[in-house]
Amino acid sequence: MRTEHHLRTSTLLDHAAGQLPAALSLVAASHLAWCRDCRKAADAAAPEGPKVPGGPAPAPEPGQTVLQAMDRRPAADELATVGDFGLPMPLALCLDGCGLEDVAWRKVLPGVAVRELKLPGTTGQLRLVRMAPSRALPEHGHGSGELTLVLRGAYSDGLGRFTIGDIADLDGAAVHRPVADDTGCICLVATATPPRYRSWFTRLWQRVTGI
């Protein structure tokens, strides 16, 4: 898998130091499971050698949480693997062995559906977002960062085109309007704070649906 959009060095270091919120950490780890370039960059940036979670992770042991199970330091020459459903291992663990075809989606806008994912004791949002072909999310920004990993299909916005394995690592100043390609798109999205939509109608609808 060849990825064109990667994690920023600052995000890699925060992830390695355990300073990312859990939802963002899971998305970062999922990208690392797919992206050899980011694993190499993380190893090079870490002053004490390879230690960034995101490689292959075993199933949780009794009493372990998903985050504990995925927090594994792979050897420098160890390739990350994906789950049985073609998903990065941290996400596969979070879905308890289910595939995307098993997800119970909740429609929030025409052509847009979500599935909230819960991690024990976390704040912020972690969700799967599905956009039908050529559908778009309303223009929005965030008061803090956002991580979006493409799992299926592709989307485009003012920042570029993102395909399977690509990650959008956005800071709080970024504003965008993702539009799915003609094949549709499914993404894993994490934010520390809710989206800030530009449209007053979307802000009103946000109160009803939680988008």
N, C-alpha and C. Protein backbone atom coordinates (compact mmCIF):
# COMPACT_ATOMS: atom_id res chain seq x y z
N MET A 1 0.84 -1.19 0.00
CA MET A 1 0.00 0.00 0.00
C MET A 1 0.88 1.25 0.00
N ARG A 2 0.67 2.11 -0.97
CA ARG A 2 1.46 3.33 -1.09
C ARG A 2 0.64 4.52 -0.62
N THR A 3 1.11 5.19 0.41
CA THR A 3 0.39 6.35 0.94
C THR A 3 1.11 7.63 0.57
N GLU A 4 0.34 8.67 0.31
CA GLU A 4 0.88 9.97 -0.07
C GLU A 4 0.76 11.00 1.05
N HIS A 5 -0.16 10.80 1.96
CA HIS A 5 -0.38 11.75 3.05
C HIS A 5 -0.07 11.05 4.38
N HIS A 6 0.77 11.70 5.19
CA HIS A 6 1.33 11.05 6.38
C HIS A 6 1.09 11.88 7.65
N LEU A 7 1.41 11.28 8.77
CA LEU A 7 1.36 11.98 10.06
C LEU A 7 2.49 12.99 10.15
N ARG A 8 2.20 14.13 10.79
CA ARG A 8 3.25 15.11 11.06
C ARG A 8 4.19 14.57 12.13
N THR A 9 5.45 15.04 12.09
CA THR A 9 6.43 14.58 13.08
C THR A 9 5.96 14.88 14.50
N SER A 10 5.36 16.04 14.69
CA SER A 10 4.88 16.40 16.03
C SER A 10 3.82 15.43 16.52
N THR A 11 2.96 14.96 15.62
CA THR A 11 1.93 13.99 15.99
C THR A 11 2.56 12.64 16.32
N LEU A 12 3.56 12.23 15.53
CA LEU A 12 4.25 10.98 15.81
C LEU A 12 4.88 10.99 17.19
N LEU A 13 5.53 12.11 17.53
CA LEU A 13 6.20 12.20 18.83
C LEU A 13 5.19 12.23 19.97
N ASP A 14 4.08 12.96 19.79
CA ASP A 14 3.05 13.00 20.82
C ASP A 14 2.43 11.62 21.01
N HIS A 15 2.25 10.90 19.92
CA HIS A 15 1.70 9.54 20.00
C HIS A 15 2.65 8.63 20.77
N ALA A 16 3.94 8.73 20.44
CA ALA A 16 4.93 7.88 21.11
C ALA A 16 5.02 8.19 22.60
N ALA A 17 4.83 9.47 22.96
CA ALA A 17 4.93 9.89 24.36
C ALA A 17 3.63 9.69 25.12
N GLY A 18 2.60 9.20 24.46
CA GLY A 18 1.31 9.01 25.12
C GLY A 18 0.58 10.30 25.41
N GLN A 19 0.85 11.34 24.61
CA GLN A 19 0.25 12.65 24.86
C GLN A 19 -0.93 12.96 23.95
N LEU A 20 -1.26 12.06 23.05
CA LEU A 20 -2.45 12.25 22.23
C LEU A 20 -3.68 11.73 22.97
N PRO A 21 -4.81 12.39 22.81
CA PRO A 21 -6.05 11.79 23.33
C PRO A 21 -6.24 10.40 22.73
N ALA A 22 -6.87 9.52 23.50
CA ALA A 22 -6.96 8.12 23.10
C ALA A 22 -7.58 7.93 21.72
N ALA A 23 -8.61 8.71 21.39
CA ALA A 23 -9.26 8.55 20.09
C ALA A 23 -8.29 8.86 18.95
N LEU A 24 -7.54 9.96 19.09
CA LEU A 24 -6.56 10.31 18.06
C LEU A 24 -5.41 9.31 18.03
N SER A 25 -5.05 8.79 19.20
CA SER A 25 -3.97 7.81 19.26
C SER A 25 -4.34 6.54 18.50
N LEU A 26 -5.60 6.11 18.59
CA LEU A 26 -6.01 4.91 17.88
C LEU A 26 -5.95 5.12 16.37
N VAL A 27 -6.35 6.29 15.89
CA VAL A 27 -6.27 6.57 14.46
C VAL A 27 -4.81 6.63 14.01
N ALA A 28 -3.97 7.28 14.81
CA ALA A 28 -2.54 7.34 14.48
C ALA A 28 -1.94 5.93 14.42
N ALA A 29 -2.27 5.09 15.39
CA ALA A 29 -1.77 3.72 15.42
C ALA A 29 -2.27 2.92 14.22
N SER A 30 -3.50 3.18 13.80
CA SER A 30 -4.06 2.48 12.65
C SER A 30 -3.31 2.87 11.37
N HIS A 31 -2.99 4.16 11.23
CA HIS A 31 -2.20 4.58 10.07
C HIS A 31 -0.80 3.96 10.11
N LEU A 32 -0.19 3.94 11.29
CA LEU A 32 1.15 3.36 11.42
C LEU A 32 1.17 1.88 11.05
N ALA A 33 0.07 1.19 11.33
CA ALA A 33 -0.01 -0.23 10.99
C ALA A 33 0.05 -0.45 9.49
N TRP A 34 -0.36 0.56 8.72
CA TRP A 34 -0.36 0.46 7.26
C TRP A 34 0.84 1.15 6.60
N CYS A 35 1.46 2.08 7.28
CA CYS A 35 2.43 2.97 6.63
C CYS A 35 3.85 2.74 7.13
N ARG A 36 4.65 2.07 6.31
CA ARG A 36 6.04 1.82 6.67
C ARG A 36 6.82 3.13 6.77
N ASP A 37 6.51 4.11 5.90
CA ASP A 37 7.24 5.37 5.91
C ASP A 37 7.09 6.09 7.25
N CYS A 38 5.86 6.10 7.78
CA CYS A 38 5.65 6.78 9.07
C CYS A 38 6.31 6.02 10.21
N ARG A 39 6.35 4.69 10.12
CA ARG A 39 7.04 3.93 11.16
C ARG A 39 8.53 4.24 11.14
N LYS A 40 9.10 4.35 9.95
CA LYS A 40 10.52 4.69 9.84
C LYS A 40 10.77 6.11 10.36
N ALA A 41 9.86 7.04 10.01
CA ALA A 41 10.02 8.43 10.47
C ALA A 41 9.91 8.51 11.98
N ALA A 42 9.00 7.73 12.55
CA ALA A 42 8.84 7.71 14.01
C ALA A 42 10.09 7.16 14.68
N ASP A 43 10.65 6.10 14.12
CA ASP A 43 11.85 5.51 14.69
C ASP A 43 13.02 6.49 14.62
N ALA A 44 13.12 7.22 13.50
CA ALA A 44 14.21 8.17 13.34
C ALA A 44 14.07 9.36 14.28
N ALA A 45 12.82 9.76 14.56
CA ALA A 45 12.59 10.93 15.42
C ALA A 45 12.71 10.59 16.89
N ALA A 46 12.50 9.31 17.24
CA ALA A 46 12.53 8.93 18.65
C ALA A 46 13.98 8.90 19.14
N PRO A 47 14.32 9.65 20.17
CA PRO A 47 15.70 9.72 20.64
C PRO A 47 16.23 8.41 21.21
N GLU A 48 15.34 7.51 21.64
CA GLU A 48 15.79 6.26 22.27
C GLU A 48 15.47 5.05 21.40
N GLY A 49 15.29 5.28 20.10
CA GLY A 49 15.06 4.16 19.20
C GLY A 49 13.59 3.85 19.03
N PRO A 50 13.27 2.81 18.27
CA PRO A 50 11.89 2.48 17.93
C PRO A 50 11.03 2.24 19.16
N LYS A 51 9.94 2.96 19.23
CA LYS A 51 9.02 2.73 20.35
C LYS A 51 7.62 3.23 20.08
N VAL A 52 7.29 3.47 18.83
CA VAL A 52 5.97 4.01 18.52
C VAL A 52 4.98 2.89 18.29
N PRO A 53 3.85 2.85 19.05
CA PRO A 53 2.85 1.82 18.81
C PRO A 53 2.28 1.94 17.42
N GLY A 54 1.80 0.86 16.89
CA GLY A 54 1.13 0.92 15.61
C GLY A 54 1.40 -0.29 14.73
N GLY A 55 2.28 -1.15 15.13
CA GLY A 55 2.54 -2.36 14.36
C GLY A 55 1.53 -3.43 14.69
N PRO A 56 1.82 -4.66 14.34
CA PRO A 56 0.86 -5.74 14.60
C PRO A 56 0.61 -5.89 16.08
N ALA A 57 -0.62 -6.08 16.43
CA ALA A 57 -0.98 -6.18 17.84
C ALA A 57 -1.72 -7.48 18.09
N PRO A 58 -1.45 -8.13 19.19
CA PRO A 58 -2.17 -9.37 19.50
C PRO A 58 -3.57 -9.07 20.00
N ALA A 59 -4.40 -10.09 20.06
CA ALA A 59 -5.73 -9.91 20.64
C ALA A 59 -5.58 -9.56 22.12
N PRO A 60 -6.51 -8.77 22.65
CA PRO A 60 -6.42 -8.40 24.07
C PRO A 60 -6.42 -9.62 24.98
N GLU A 61 -5.58 -9.59 25.98
CA GLU A 61 -5.59 -10.62 27.01
C GLU A 61 -6.75 -10.35 27.96
N PRO A 62 -7.15 -11.33 28.76
CA PRO A 62 -8.23 -11.09 29.72
C PRO A 62 -7.91 -9.89 30.60
N GLY A 63 -8.85 -8.94 30.66
CA GLY A 63 -8.66 -7.76 31.49
C GLY A 63 -7.99 -6.61 30.77
N GLN A 64 -7.48 -6.83 29.55
CA GLN A 64 -6.85 -5.76 28.79
C GLN A 64 -7.89 -4.93 28.06
N THR A 65 -7.59 -3.64 27.89
CA THR A 65 -8.41 -2.79 27.05
C THR A 65 -7.86 -2.84 25.63
N VAL A 66 -8.63 -2.31 24.69
CA VAL A 66 -8.17 -2.23 23.30
C VAL A 66 -6.88 -1.43 23.22
N LEU A 67 -6.80 -0.31 23.93
CA LEU A 67 -5.61 0.54 23.86
C LEU A 67 -4.39 -0.19 24.41
N GLN A 68 -4.55 -0.97 25.47
CA GLN A 68 -3.42 -1.71 26.01
C GLN A 68 -2.94 -2.77 25.02
N ALA A 69 -3.89 -3.42 24.36
CA ALA A 69 -3.51 -4.46 23.41
C ALA A 69 -2.78 -3.90 22.21
N MET A 70 -3.15 -2.71 21.75
CA MET A 70 -2.52 -2.16 20.54
C MET A 70 -1.20 -1.47 20.86
N ASP A 71 -0.90 -1.24 22.12
CA ASP A 71 0.31 -0.50 22.50
C ASP A 71 1.51 -1.46 22.51
N ARG A 72 1.92 -1.84 21.33
CA ARG A 72 3.00 -2.81 21.18
C ARG A 72 4.12 -2.19 20.35
N ARG A 73 5.37 -2.37 20.76
CA ARG A 73 6.51 -1.79 20.05
C ARG A 73 7.09 -2.82 19.09
N PRO A 74 6.80 -2.71 17.79
CA PRO A 74 7.35 -3.69 16.85
C PRO A 74 8.83 -3.49 16.64
N ALA A 75 9.54 -4.57 16.31
CA ALA A 75 10.94 -4.44 15.94
C ALA A 75 11.06 -3.63 14.67
N ALA A 76 12.22 -3.03 14.44
CA ALA A 76 12.40 -2.13 13.31
C ALA A 76 12.14 -2.81 11.98
N ASP A 77 12.41 -4.13 11.88
CA ASP A 77 12.25 -4.83 10.61
C ASP A 77 10.96 -5.64 10.55
N GLU A 78 10.06 -5.40 11.48
CA GLU A 78 8.82 -6.17 11.55
C GLU A 78 7.73 -5.45 10.78
N LEU A 79 7.09 -6.14 9.87
CA LEU A 79 6.03 -5.53 9.08
C LEU A 79 4.72 -5.52 9.84
N ALA A 80 3.99 -4.43 9.73
CA ALA A 80 2.66 -4.36 10.34
C ALA A 80 1.70 -5.20 9.51
N THR A 81 0.70 -5.74 10.17
CA THR A 81 -0.30 -6.55 9.48
C THR A 81 -1.66 -5.89 9.62
N VAL A 82 -2.62 -6.43 8.88
CA VAL A 82 -3.98 -5.93 8.96
C VAL A 82 -4.89 -7.04 9.43
N GLY A 83 -6.09 -6.66 9.83
CA GLY A 83 -7.03 -7.64 10.34
C GLY A 83 -7.62 -8.50 9.24
N ASP A 84 -8.46 -9.45 9.63
CA ASP A 84 -9.05 -10.38 8.68
C ASP A 84 -9.95 -9.69 7.66
N PHE A 85 -10.42 -8.49 7.98
CA PHE A 85 -11.33 -7.79 7.08
C PHE A 85 -10.60 -6.68 6.32
N GLY A 86 -9.28 -6.76 6.22
CA GLY A 86 -8.54 -5.74 5.50
C GLY A 86 -8.51 -4.42 6.22
N LEU A 87 -8.50 -4.45 7.55
CA LEU A 87 -8.47 -3.26 8.38
C LEU A 87 -7.18 -3.22 9.17
N PRO A 88 -6.69 -2.03 9.51
CA PRO A 88 -5.50 -1.96 10.38
C PRO A 88 -5.82 -2.58 11.73
N MET A 89 -4.85 -3.25 12.31
CA MET A 89 -5.11 -4.04 13.50
C MET A 89 -5.71 -3.26 14.67
N PRO A 90 -5.23 -2.04 15.00
CA PRO A 90 -5.85 -1.31 16.12
C PRO A 90 -7.35 -1.11 15.93
N LEU A 91 -7.77 -0.77 14.71
CA LEU A 91 -9.20 -0.61 14.44
C LEU A 91 -9.92 -1.95 14.50
N ALA A 92 -9.31 -3.00 13.95
CA ALA A 92 -9.93 -4.32 13.99
C ALA A 92 -10.21 -4.75 15.42
N LEU A 93 -9.26 -4.47 16.33
CA LEU A 93 -9.48 -4.80 17.74
C LEU A 93 -10.64 -4.00 18.32
N CYS A 94 -10.73 -2.73 17.93
CA CYS A 94 -11.80 -1.87 18.45
C CYS A 94 -13.17 -2.35 17.98
N LEU A 95 -13.22 -2.96 16.80
CA LEU A 95 -14.49 -3.46 16.25
C LEU A 95 -14.80 -4.88 16.70
N ASP A 96 -13.97 -5.43 17.59
CA ASP A 96 -14.21 -6.77 18.13
C ASP A 96 -14.36 -7.83 17.05
N GLY A 97 -13.52 -7.72 16.03
CA GLY A 97 -13.51 -8.75 15.01
C GLY A 97 -14.56 -8.61 13.93
N CYS A 98 -15.31 -7.51 13.93
CA CYS A 98 -16.31 -7.28 12.89
C CYS A 98 -15.67 -6.56 11.70
N GLY A 99 -16.27 -6.70 10.53
CA GLY A 99 -15.84 -5.97 9.35
C GLY A 99 -16.72 -4.78 9.09
N LEU A 100 -16.33 -3.97 8.11
CA LEU A 100 -17.12 -2.77 7.80
C LEU A 100 -18.52 -3.13 7.29
N GLU A 101 -18.64 -4.30 6.67
CA GLU A 101 -19.96 -4.71 6.19
C GLU A 101 -20.90 -5.05 7.33
N ASP A 102 -20.37 -5.22 8.55
CA ASP A 102 -21.21 -5.53 9.71
C ASP A 102 -21.60 -4.30 10.52
N VAL A 103 -21.08 -3.15 10.12
CA VAL A 103 -21.31 -1.93 10.91
C VAL A 103 -22.77 -1.49 10.81
N ALA A 104 -23.35 -1.12 11.95
CA ALA A 104 -24.69 -0.56 11.99
C ALA A 104 -24.58 0.95 11.83
N TRP A 105 -24.79 1.44 10.63
CA TRP A 105 -24.61 2.85 10.33
C TRP A 105 -25.81 3.67 10.78
N ARG A 106 -25.55 4.92 11.13
CA ARG A 106 -26.61 5.88 11.49
C ARG A 106 -26.56 7.05 10.51
N LYS A 107 -27.63 7.23 9.75
CA LYS A 107 -27.67 8.29 8.76
C LYS A 107 -27.79 9.65 9.45
N VAL A 108 -26.93 10.60 9.07
CA VAL A 108 -26.96 11.93 9.68
C VAL A 108 -27.22 13.03 8.66
N LEU A 109 -26.92 12.77 7.40
CA LEU A 109 -27.15 13.71 6.30
C LEU A 109 -27.42 12.88 5.05
N PRO A 110 -28.02 13.47 4.02
CA PRO A 110 -28.20 12.71 2.78
C PRO A 110 -26.87 12.17 2.25
N GLY A 111 -26.78 10.87 2.15
CA GLY A 111 -25.57 10.25 1.63
C GLY A 111 -24.43 10.15 2.63
N VAL A 112 -24.66 10.51 3.88
CA VAL A 112 -23.61 10.47 4.90
C VAL A 112 -24.14 9.72 6.12
N ALA A 113 -23.35 8.73 6.57
CA ALA A 113 -23.72 7.95 7.76
C ALA A 113 -22.50 7.80 8.65
N VAL A 114 -22.75 7.59 9.94
CA VAL A 114 -21.65 7.47 10.90
C VAL A 114 -21.88 6.27 11.81
N ARG A 115 -20.81 5.83 12.43
CA ARG A 115 -20.87 4.84 13.50
C ARG A 115 -19.91 5.30 14.58
N GLU A 116 -20.45 5.66 15.75
CA GLU A 116 -19.60 6.07 16.85
C GLU A 116 -18.90 4.86 17.45
N LEU A 117 -17.63 5.03 17.77
CA LEU A 117 -16.84 4.00 18.43
C LEU A 117 -16.46 4.50 19.81
N LYS A 118 -16.55 3.64 20.80
CA LYS A 118 -16.28 4.04 22.17
C LYS A 118 -15.00 3.38 22.67
N LEU A 119 -14.17 4.17 23.33
CA LEU A 119 -13.01 3.66 24.04
C LEU A 119 -13.19 3.99 25.51
N PRO A 120 -12.83 3.06 26.41
CA PRO A 120 -13.06 3.29 27.84
C PRO A 120 -12.36 4.56 28.33
N GLY A 121 -13.13 5.41 29.00
CA GLY A 121 -12.55 6.56 29.68
C GLY A 121 -12.01 7.64 28.77
N THR A 122 -12.50 7.73 27.52
CA THR A 122 -11.96 8.74 26.60
C THR A 122 -12.94 9.88 26.42
N THR A 123 -12.38 11.02 26.04
CA THR A 123 -13.18 12.17 25.65
C THR A 123 -12.98 12.40 24.15
N GLY A 124 -13.75 13.33 23.58
CA GLY A 124 -13.65 13.57 22.15
C GLY A 124 -14.48 12.57 21.37
N GLN A 125 -14.27 12.54 20.07
CA GLN A 125 -15.05 11.68 19.19
C GLN A 125 -14.15 10.73 18.41
N LEU A 126 -14.59 9.48 18.32
CA LEU A 126 -13.98 8.49 17.45
C LEU A 126 -15.13 7.85 16.68
N ARG A 127 -15.07 7.94 15.36
CA ARG A 127 -16.19 7.42 14.58
C ARG A 127 -15.75 6.99 13.19
N LEU A 128 -16.53 6.08 12.65
CA LEU A 128 -16.45 5.76 11.24
C LEU A 128 -17.41 6.66 10.49
N VAL A 129 -16.98 7.17 9.36
CA VAL A 129 -17.83 8.04 8.54
C VAL A 129 -17.89 7.46 7.13
N ARG A 130 -19.10 7.28 6.64
CA ARG A 130 -19.30 6.74 5.29
C ARG A 130 -19.99 7.79 4.43
N MET A 131 -19.38 8.11 3.29
CA MET A 131 -19.96 9.04 2.33
C MET A 131 -20.28 8.29 1.04
N ALA A 132 -21.50 8.45 0.56
CA ALA A 132 -21.89 7.83 -0.70
C ALA A 132 -21.15 8.52 -1.85
N PRO A 133 -21.11 7.89 -3.02
CA PRO A 133 -20.39 8.49 -4.15
C PRO A 133 -20.78 9.95 -4.39
N SER A 134 -19.75 10.79 -4.50
CA SER A 134 -19.87 12.22 -4.83
C SER A 134 -20.56 13.03 -3.73
N ARG A 135 -20.83 12.44 -2.59
CA ARG A 135 -21.41 13.19 -1.48
C ARG A 135 -20.32 13.91 -0.68
N ALA A 136 -20.72 14.95 0.03
CA ALA A 136 -19.75 15.77 0.76
C ALA A 136 -20.18 15.98 2.19
N LEU A 137 -19.19 16.19 3.05
CA LEU A 137 -19.45 16.68 4.40
C LEU A 137 -19.50 18.20 4.35
N PRO A 138 -20.33 18.83 5.17
CA PRO A 138 -20.37 20.29 5.18
C PRO A 138 -19.01 20.87 5.57
N GLU A 139 -18.73 22.06 5.08
CA GLU A 139 -17.47 22.73 5.41
C GLU A 139 -17.38 22.94 6.91
N HIS A 140 -16.21 22.60 7.47
CA HIS A 140 -16.07 22.69 8.92
C HIS A 140 -14.60 22.81 9.31
N GLY A 141 -14.39 23.24 10.53
CA GLY A 141 -13.07 23.26 11.15
C GLY A 141 -13.19 22.68 12.54
N HIS A 142 -12.12 22.83 13.33
CA HIS A 142 -12.10 22.28 14.68
C HIS A 142 -11.34 23.24 15.59
N GLY A 143 -11.71 23.24 16.86
CA GLY A 143 -10.95 24.02 17.81
C GLY A 143 -9.62 23.37 18.15
N SER A 144 -9.48 22.08 17.80
CA SER A 144 -8.24 21.34 18.04
C SER A 144 -8.00 20.48 16.81
N GLY A 145 -7.12 19.50 16.92
CA GLY A 145 -6.75 18.71 15.75
C GLY A 145 -7.79 17.69 15.34
N GLU A 146 -7.60 17.18 14.12
CA GLU A 146 -8.44 16.11 13.58
C GLU A 146 -7.54 15.14 12.83
N LEU A 147 -7.76 13.85 13.02
CA LEU A 147 -7.08 12.82 12.25
C LEU A 147 -8.12 12.02 11.48
N THR A 148 -7.94 11.90 10.17
CA THR A 148 -8.86 11.16 9.31
C THR A 148 -8.07 10.17 8.48
N LEU A 149 -8.36 8.88 8.65
CA LEU A 149 -7.69 7.81 7.92
C LEU A 149 -8.68 7.21 6.93
N VAL A 150 -8.29 7.14 5.67
CA VAL A 150 -9.16 6.57 4.64
C VAL A 150 -9.05 5.05 4.67
N LEU A 151 -10.18 4.38 4.81
CA LEU A 151 -10.24 2.92 4.87
C LEU A 151 -10.71 2.30 3.56
N ARG A 152 -11.62 2.97 2.87
CA ARG A 152 -12.15 2.51 1.60
C ARG A 152 -12.40 3.72 0.71
N GLY A 153 -12.21 3.56 -0.60
CA GLY A 153 -12.52 4.64 -1.53
C GLY A 153 -11.54 5.80 -1.42
N ALA A 154 -12.06 7.01 -1.65
CA ALA A 154 -11.21 8.20 -1.63
C ALA A 154 -12.10 9.44 -1.49
N TYR A 155 -11.48 10.53 -1.04
CA TYR A 155 -12.17 11.82 -1.02
C TYR A 155 -11.17 12.92 -1.37
N SER A 156 -11.71 14.08 -1.73
CA SER A 156 -10.88 15.25 -2.04
C SER A 156 -11.41 16.46 -1.30
N ASP A 157 -10.49 17.37 -0.96
CA ASP A 157 -10.87 18.66 -0.40
C ASP A 157 -9.81 19.67 -0.83
N GLY A 158 -9.83 20.85 -0.22
CA GLY A 158 -8.86 21.87 -0.59
C GLY A 158 -7.43 21.52 -0.24
N LEU A 159 -7.23 20.44 0.51
CA LEU A 159 -5.90 20.04 0.94
C LEU A 159 -5.32 18.93 0.06
N GLY A 160 -6.13 18.36 -0.85
CA GLY A 160 -5.63 17.32 -1.73
C GLY A 160 -6.61 16.18 -1.88
N ARG A 161 -6.12 15.10 -2.49
CA ARG A 161 -6.93 13.89 -2.67
C ARG A 161 -6.36 12.80 -1.77
N PHE A 162 -7.24 12.15 -1.02
CA PHE A 162 -6.85 11.16 -0.03
C PHE A 162 -7.45 9.82 -0.40
N THR A 163 -6.57 8.80 -0.53
CA THR A 163 -7.01 7.46 -0.90
C THR A 163 -6.70 6.49 0.25
N ILE A 164 -6.96 5.20 0.04
CA ILE A 164 -6.82 4.21 1.10
C ILE A 164 -5.42 4.26 1.72
N GLY A 165 -5.38 4.38 3.03
CA GLY A 165 -4.13 4.44 3.77
C GLY A 165 -3.65 5.84 4.06
N ASP A 166 -4.13 6.83 3.29
CA ASP A 166 -3.74 8.22 3.54
C ASP A 166 -4.38 8.72 4.83
N ILE A 167 -3.68 9.63 5.50
CA ILE A 167 -4.23 10.24 6.70
C ILE A 167 -4.15 11.76 6.59
N ALA A 168 -5.22 12.43 6.95
CA ALA A 168 -5.25 13.88 7.04
C ALA A 168 -4.98 14.26 8.49
N ASP A 169 -3.85 14.91 8.72
CA ASP A 169 -3.43 15.32 10.06
C ASP A 169 -3.60 16.83 10.13
N LEU A 170 -4.76 17.28 10.62
CA LEU A 170 -5.13 18.68 10.56
C LEU A 170 -5.00 19.34 11.93
N ASP A 171 -4.54 20.59 11.92
CA ASP A 171 -4.48 21.34 13.17
C ASP A 171 -5.78 22.12 13.36
N GLY A 172 -5.87 22.86 14.45
CA GLY A 172 -7.10 23.55 14.78
C GLY A 172 -7.48 24.66 13.83
N ALA A 173 -6.54 25.12 12.99
CA ALA A 173 -6.81 26.22 12.07
C ALA A 173 -7.37 25.75 10.74
N ALA A 174 -7.30 24.46 10.46
CA ALA A 174 -7.71 23.94 9.16
C ALA A 174 -9.22 23.96 9.00
N VAL A 175 -9.68 24.31 7.80
CA VAL A 175 -11.10 24.26 7.44
C VAL A 175 -11.18 23.50 6.11
N HIS A 176 -12.10 22.55 6.02
CA HIS A 176 -12.18 21.78 4.78
C HIS A 176 -13.59 21.27 4.55
N ARG A 177 -13.81 20.77 3.31
CA ARG A 177 -15.10 20.21 2.89
C ARG A 177 -14.80 18.94 2.09
N PRO A 178 -14.71 17.80 2.75
CA PRO A 178 -14.39 16.55 2.05
C PRO A 178 -15.53 16.14 1.10
N VAL A 179 -15.15 15.75 -0.12
CA VAL A 179 -16.10 15.27 -1.12
C VAL A 179 -15.65 13.88 -1.57
N ALA A 180 -16.53 12.90 -1.45
CA ALA A 180 -16.19 11.53 -1.82
C ALA A 180 -16.03 11.39 -3.33
N ASP A 181 -15.13 10.51 -3.76
CA ASP A 181 -15.01 10.17 -5.18
C ASP A 181 -16.26 9.43 -5.64
N ASP A 182 -16.27 9.08 -6.91
CA ASP A 182 -17.45 8.41 -7.46
C ASP A 182 -17.58 6.96 -7.01
N THR A 183 -16.62 6.49 -6.21
CA THR A 183 -16.74 5.16 -5.60
C THR A 183 -17.20 5.23 -4.15
N GLY A 184 -17.37 6.44 -3.61
CA GLY A 184 -17.72 6.59 -2.21
C GLY A 184 -16.47 6.53 -1.34
N CYS A 185 -16.68 6.61 -0.03
CA CYS A 185 -15.53 6.67 0.88
C CYS A 185 -15.96 6.27 2.29
N ILE A 186 -15.08 5.53 2.98
CA ILE A 186 -15.26 5.25 4.40
C ILE A 186 -13.98 5.65 5.12
N CYS A 187 -14.13 6.43 6.18
CA CYS A 187 -12.97 6.94 6.92
C CYS A 187 -13.12 6.66 8.41
N LEU A 188 -11.99 6.60 9.07
CA LEU A 188 -11.92 6.57 10.53
C LEU A 188 -11.49 7.96 10.97
N VAL A 189 -12.31 8.61 11.80
CA VAL A 189 -12.08 10.02 12.14
C VAL A 189 -12.05 10.19 13.65
N ALA A 190 -11.06 10.94 14.12
CA ALA A 190 -10.97 11.26 15.55
C ALA A 190 -10.76 12.76 15.73
N THR A 191 -11.47 13.32 16.68
CA THR A 191 -11.31 14.72 17.04
C THR A 191 -11.37 14.85 18.56
N ALA A 192 -10.68 15.86 19.07
CA ALA A 192 -10.73 16.12 20.51
C ALA A 192 -11.94 16.97 20.87
N THR A 193 -12.42 17.78 19.91
CA THR A 193 -13.60 18.62 20.13
C THR A 193 -14.53 18.46 18.94
N PRO A 194 -15.82 18.75 19.10
CA PRO A 194 -16.77 18.58 17.99
C PRO A 194 -16.43 19.51 16.82
N PRO A 195 -16.83 19.13 15.60
CA PRO A 195 -16.61 19.98 14.44
C PRO A 195 -17.31 21.33 14.60
N ARG A 196 -16.73 22.35 13.96
CA ARG A 196 -17.32 23.68 13.92
C ARG A 196 -17.77 23.95 12.49
N TYR A 197 -19.07 23.80 12.24
CA TYR A 197 -19.59 23.95 10.90
C TYR A 197 -19.83 25.43 10.57
N ARG A 198 -19.60 25.76 9.29
CA ARG A 198 -19.76 27.14 8.85
C ARG A 198 -21.23 27.51 8.67
N SER A 199 -22.04 26.55 8.22
CA SER A 199 -23.45 26.82 7.93
C SER A 199 -24.28 26.81 9.21
N TRP A 200 -25.15 27.82 9.34
CA TRP A 200 -26.00 27.87 10.54
C TRP A 200 -26.97 26.69 10.55
N PHE A 201 -27.44 26.27 9.35
CA PHE A 201 -28.36 25.14 9.30
C PHE A 201 -27.66 23.87 9.78
N THR A 202 -26.41 23.66 9.36
CA THR A 202 -25.68 22.47 9.79
C THR A 202 -25.40 22.51 11.28
N ARG A 203 -25.13 23.70 11.80
CA ARG A 203 -24.91 23.81 13.26
C ARG A 203 -26.18 23.45 14.01
N LEU A 204 -27.33 23.85 13.48
CA LEU A 204 -28.60 23.48 14.10
C LEU A 204 -28.82 21.97 14.00
N TRP A 205 -28.54 21.40 12.82
CA TRP A 205 -28.71 19.97 12.64
C TRP A 205 -27.73 19.18 13.52
N GLN A 206 -26.58 19.76 13.81
CA GLN A 206 -25.59 19.13 14.68
C GLN A 206 -26.16 18.90 16.07
N ARG A 207 -26.98 19.81 16.55
CA ARG A 207 -27.60 19.65 17.87
C ARG A 207 -28.56 18.46 17.90
N VAL A 208 -29.15 18.15 16.76
CA VAL A 208 -30.13 17.07 16.69
C VAL A 208 -29.44 15.72 16.51
N THR A 209 -28.43 15.68 15.63
CA THR A 209 -27.85 14.39 15.24
C THR A 209 -26.49 14.13 15.89
N GLY A 210 -25.83 15.17 16.39
CA GLY A 210 -24.50 14.99 16.95
C GLY A 210 -23.42 14.84 15.91
N ILE A 211 -23.64 15.25 14.68
CA ILE A 211 -22.62 15.10 13.62
C ILE A 211 -21.40 15.96 13.93
